[in-house]
Protein backbone atom coordinates (compact mmCIF):
# COMPACT_ATOMS: atom_id res chain seq x y z
CA MET A 1 -47.53 -29.33 -72.49
CA ALA A 2 -49.03 -29.20 -68.92
CA TRP A 3 -45.39 -30.37 -67.60
CA LEU A 4 -43.80 -27.86 -69.34
CA ASN A 5 -45.96 -24.94 -67.80
CA PHE A 6 -45.14 -26.81 -64.35
CA VAL A 7 -41.48 -26.70 -65.04
CA ARG A 8 -41.81 -22.67 -65.87
CA VAL A 9 -43.70 -21.99 -63.27
CA GLY A 10 -41.37 -23.98 -60.78
CA ILE A 11 -38.13 -22.43 -62.32
CA VAL A 12 -39.96 -18.64 -61.70
CA ILE A 13 -41.15 -19.58 -58.20
CA ILE A 14 -37.65 -20.96 -57.07
CA VAL A 15 -35.86 -17.96 -58.91
CA SER A 16 -37.85 -15.29 -57.43
CA SER A 17 -37.74 -16.48 -53.85
CA LEU A 18 -34.04 -16.90 -54.18
CA GLY A 19 -33.75 -13.43 -55.52
CA VAL A 20 -35.62 -12.16 -52.44
CA ALA A 21 -33.16 -13.97 -50.39
CA LEU A 22 -30.32 -12.26 -52.47
CA VAL A 23 -31.69 -8.62 -51.74
CA PHE A 24 -31.72 -9.69 -48.04
CA VAL A 25 -27.95 -10.62 -47.99
CA LEU A 26 -27.11 -7.68 -50.00
CA LEU A 27 -28.87 -5.23 -47.26
CA GLU A 28 -27.06 -6.99 -44.26
CA LYS A 29 -23.66 -6.84 -46.45
CA TYR A 30 -23.94 -3.12 -47.61
CA ALA A 31 -26.60 -1.09 -45.64
CA LEU A 32 -26.42 -2.12 -42.28
CA LYS A 33 -22.96 -1.78 -41.12
CA PRO A 34 -21.77 -1.50 -37.80
CA GLN A 35 -20.57 1.47 -35.86
CA LYS A 36 -16.69 1.93 -35.35
CA ASN A 37 -16.46 0.04 -31.84
CA GLN A 38 -18.80 -2.45 -32.76
CA ALA A 39 -18.78 -6.10 -34.37
CA ILE A 40 -22.08 -8.08 -35.39
CA VAL A 41 -22.37 -11.86 -34.87
CA ARG A 42 -25.21 -12.73 -37.52
CA PRO A 43 -26.34 -16.29 -38.60
CA SER A 44 -24.84 -17.74 -42.05
CA ILE A 45 -26.53 -16.99 -44.94
CA LEU A 46 -27.82 -20.52 -45.63
CA TYR A 47 -30.51 -19.69 -43.15
CA LEU A 48 -32.28 -17.28 -45.60
CA ILE A 49 -31.06 -18.95 -48.70
CA ILE A 50 -32.76 -22.25 -47.40
CA GLY A 51 -35.92 -20.59 -46.04
CA PHE A 52 -36.76 -18.64 -48.98
CA ALA A 53 -35.93 -21.82 -51.19
CA ASN A 54 -38.18 -23.56 -49.11
CA ILE A 55 -40.97 -21.15 -49.29
CA GLY A 56 -40.37 -21.15 -53.37
CA ILE A 57 -40.55 -25.30 -53.06
CA CYS A 58 -44.20 -24.93 -51.09
CA ALA A 59 -45.31 -22.34 -53.64
CA LEU A 60 -44.64 -25.07 -56.17
CA MET A 61 -46.16 -27.69 -54.39
CA PHE A 62 -49.27 -25.51 -53.70
CA TYR A 63 -49.28 -25.07 -57.61
CA LEU A 64 -48.96 -28.86 -58.38
CA SER A 65 -51.78 -29.54 -55.87
CA ILE A 66 -54.31 -27.00 -57.27
CA ALA A 67 -52.92 -28.06 -61.12
CA GLN A 68 -53.15 -31.71 -60.59
CA ASP A 69 -55.83 -31.94 -57.92
CA LYS A 70 -54.01 -33.51 -55.33
CA MET A 71 -55.12 -32.07 -52.02
CA TYR A 72 -52.81 -34.52 -49.73
CA LEU A 73 -49.82 -31.83 -50.85
CA PHE A 74 -51.49 -29.30 -48.65
CA VAL A 75 -50.63 -31.31 -45.52
CA ALA A 76 -46.93 -31.47 -46.43
CA ILE A 77 -46.82 -27.47 -47.17
CA GLY A 78 -47.63 -26.69 -43.76
CA PRO A 79 -44.74 -27.82 -41.56
CA ILE A 80 -42.24 -26.80 -44.71
CA ILE A 81 -43.88 -22.99 -44.40
CA ILE A 82 -43.57 -22.79 -40.25
CA ILE A 83 -39.53 -23.99 -40.59
CA SER A 84 -39.13 -21.86 -43.65
CA LEU A 85 -40.50 -18.79 -41.84
CA TRP A 86 -38.71 -19.48 -38.56
CA LEU A 87 -35.17 -19.74 -41.00
CA ILE A 88 -36.12 -16.56 -42.35
CA LEU A 89 -36.61 -14.61 -38.93
CA ARG A 90 -33.46 -16.19 -37.57
CA GLY A 91 -31.66 -15.21 -40.73
CA ALA A 92 -32.82 -11.92 -41.01
CA LEU A 93 -33.16 -10.92 -37.65
CA TRP A 94 -31.09 -12.69 -34.81
CA LYS A 95 -27.88 -11.09 -34.10
CA ILE A 96 -25.37 -10.23 -31.43
CA THR A 97 -23.80 -6.68 -31.43
CA ILE A 98 -20.40 -6.84 -29.57
CA GLU A 99 -19.50 -3.45 -27.65
CA GLU A 100 -17.06 -2.03 -25.40
CA ASP A 101 -18.94 -2.70 -22.07
CA GLY A 102 -21.14 -5.73 -23.16
CA ILE A 103 -23.16 -7.59 -25.66
CA VAL A 104 -26.50 -6.52 -27.20
CA PHE A 105 -28.83 -9.57 -28.24
CA ARG A 106 -31.69 -9.76 -30.71
CA ASN A 107 -33.42 -12.71 -30.69
CA THR A 108 -35.23 -14.47 -33.54
CA PHE A 109 -38.35 -12.56 -33.26
CA GLY A 110 -36.66 -9.02 -32.86
CA LYS A 111 -36.64 -8.68 -28.74
CA THR A 112 -33.11 -6.65 -28.29
CA GLN A 113 -31.50 -6.54 -24.75
CA LYS A 114 -28.12 -5.39 -23.60
CA TYR A 115 -26.16 -7.66 -21.27
CA LEU A 116 -22.95 -6.34 -19.46
CA TYR A 117 -19.81 -8.39 -19.34
CA SER A 118 -20.21 -8.63 -15.57
CA GLU A 119 -23.55 -10.03 -15.99
CA ILE A 120 -22.50 -13.19 -17.62
CA THR A 121 -22.74 -16.22 -15.19
CA GLU A 122 -21.17 -19.22 -17.29
CA ILE A 123 -20.21 -19.87 -20.75
CA LYS A 124 -20.56 -23.39 -21.89
CA ASP A 125 -18.44 -25.05 -24.76
CA GLU A 126 -20.83 -27.43 -27.00
CA ARG A 127 -20.30 -29.27 -29.89
CA LEU A 128 -20.94 -26.88 -32.42
CA GLY A 129 -20.29 -23.65 -30.77
CA PHE A 130 -20.88 -22.13 -27.15
CA VAL A 131 -23.89 -21.14 -25.00
CA VAL A 132 -23.71 -17.67 -23.14
CA ILE A 133 -25.64 -18.24 -19.79
CA ILE A 134 -26.87 -15.30 -18.39
CA GLY A 135 -28.93 -15.73 -15.25
CA LYS A 136 -31.51 -18.26 -16.49
CA LYS A 137 -31.25 -17.05 -19.94
CA LYS A 138 -29.33 -19.02 -22.62
CA ILE A 139 -28.14 -17.74 -25.68
CA GLY A 140 -26.50 -20.00 -28.18
CA VAL A 141 -23.80 -19.60 -30.56
CA ASP A 142 -23.19 -21.67 -33.40
CA MET A 143 -19.61 -21.91 -34.84
CA PHE A 144 -21.65 -21.24 -38.77
CA ASN A 145 -22.35 -17.63 -37.56
CA SER A 146 -20.26 -14.73 -39.04
CA ASN A 147 -17.72 -13.10 -36.30
CA PHE A 148 -17.98 -16.08 -34.15
CA SER A 149 -14.28 -16.50 -33.30
CA GLU A 150 -14.34 -12.74 -32.55
CA LEU A 151 -17.27 -13.11 -30.17
CA ARG A 152 -15.44 -16.03 -28.48
CA ALA A 153 -12.49 -13.93 -28.11
CA VAL A 154 -13.96 -10.89 -26.68
CA LEU A 155 -15.72 -12.81 -24.17
CA ALA A 156 -12.42 -14.67 -23.23
CA ARG A 157 -10.94 -11.12 -22.98
CA ASN A 158 -13.74 -9.31 -20.80
CA CYS A 159 -15.38 -11.56 -19.28
CA GLN A 160 -14.28 -13.04 -15.79
CA LYS A 161 -11.36 -15.60 -16.03
CA GLU A 162 -12.99 -17.97 -13.73
CA LEU A 163 -15.87 -18.68 -16.23
CA PHE A 164 -13.19 -20.23 -18.79
CA GLU A 165 -11.47 -21.64 -16.19
CA GLN A 166 -14.44 -23.64 -14.76
CA ARG A 167 -14.85 -25.39 -18.17
CA ARG A 168 -10.86 -26.61 -17.79
CA SER A 169 -10.96 -27.87 -14.41
CA PRO A 170 -13.14 -30.72 -13.06
CA LYS A 171 -16.51 -29.86 -12.74
CA LEU A 172 -17.63 -28.60 -9.35
CA SER A 173 -20.95 -28.38 -7.53
CA LYS A 174 -22.69 -25.23 -6.99
CA LYS A 175 -22.27 -25.26 -3.42
CA GLU A 176 -18.22 -25.39 -4.27
CA ARG A 177 -18.18 -22.86 -6.60
CA LYS A 178 -19.90 -20.68 -4.28
CA ARG A 179 -17.70 -21.39 -1.33
CA ALA A 180 -14.41 -20.60 -3.74
CA LYS A 181 -16.18 -17.33 -4.84
CA GLU A 182 -16.95 -16.67 -1.17
CA LYS A 183 -13.21 -17.23 -0.38
CA GLU A 184 -12.05 -15.27 -2.84
CA MET A 185 -14.14 -12.15 -2.24
CA SER A 186 -13.06 -12.63 1.65
CA ALA A 187 -9.52 -12.80 0.59
CA THR A 188 -10.07 -9.25 -1.52
CA LYS A 189 -11.68 -7.62 1.38
CA ASN A 190 -8.68 -8.65 3.71
CA SER A 191 -6.29 -7.31 1.28
CA LYS A 192 -8.09 -4.23 0.94
CA LYS A 193 -8.27 -3.71 4.55
CA HIS A 194 -4.38 -4.40 5.10
CA SER A 195 -3.60 -1.78 2.37
């Protein structure tokens, strides 16, 4: 009889957690639409689903630890809740909005900042995505995000071509890249003087 009660509570907790995740997904899909000249890059819906399912599992473990007097389960609940909250925040808040003159980045904790395409200093390909480097700041974009390929195409079109050529050419040291950039700038200045 106790196990039947345990199963009922577990089903209610997990279904209600997934129901909350579904509300977030529907809100994102229908209420938070981008404006005309914008596209939004967001994490996969799996972040929310896994985060809320883990919260449900933690609630179930909490109920089990109280019902069975097994307090050692409390030790396992802490790290799982921290990871779950990070997944939920990442799924709900993290986004990149693609605009005509740059990108607007909102991190996992809701801090928003706009970057112009001219401010992007480097783009590095990674195994499952790419990293956009803006000065000392790095923004990782994995291939599981929505509009991943659109962001990649926009960056290729709007950023300096040399950023994309650097990853195809042999690796150059910082000094060699700086010299090449200075040569290019002096060549541009000379051509302007002659015209």
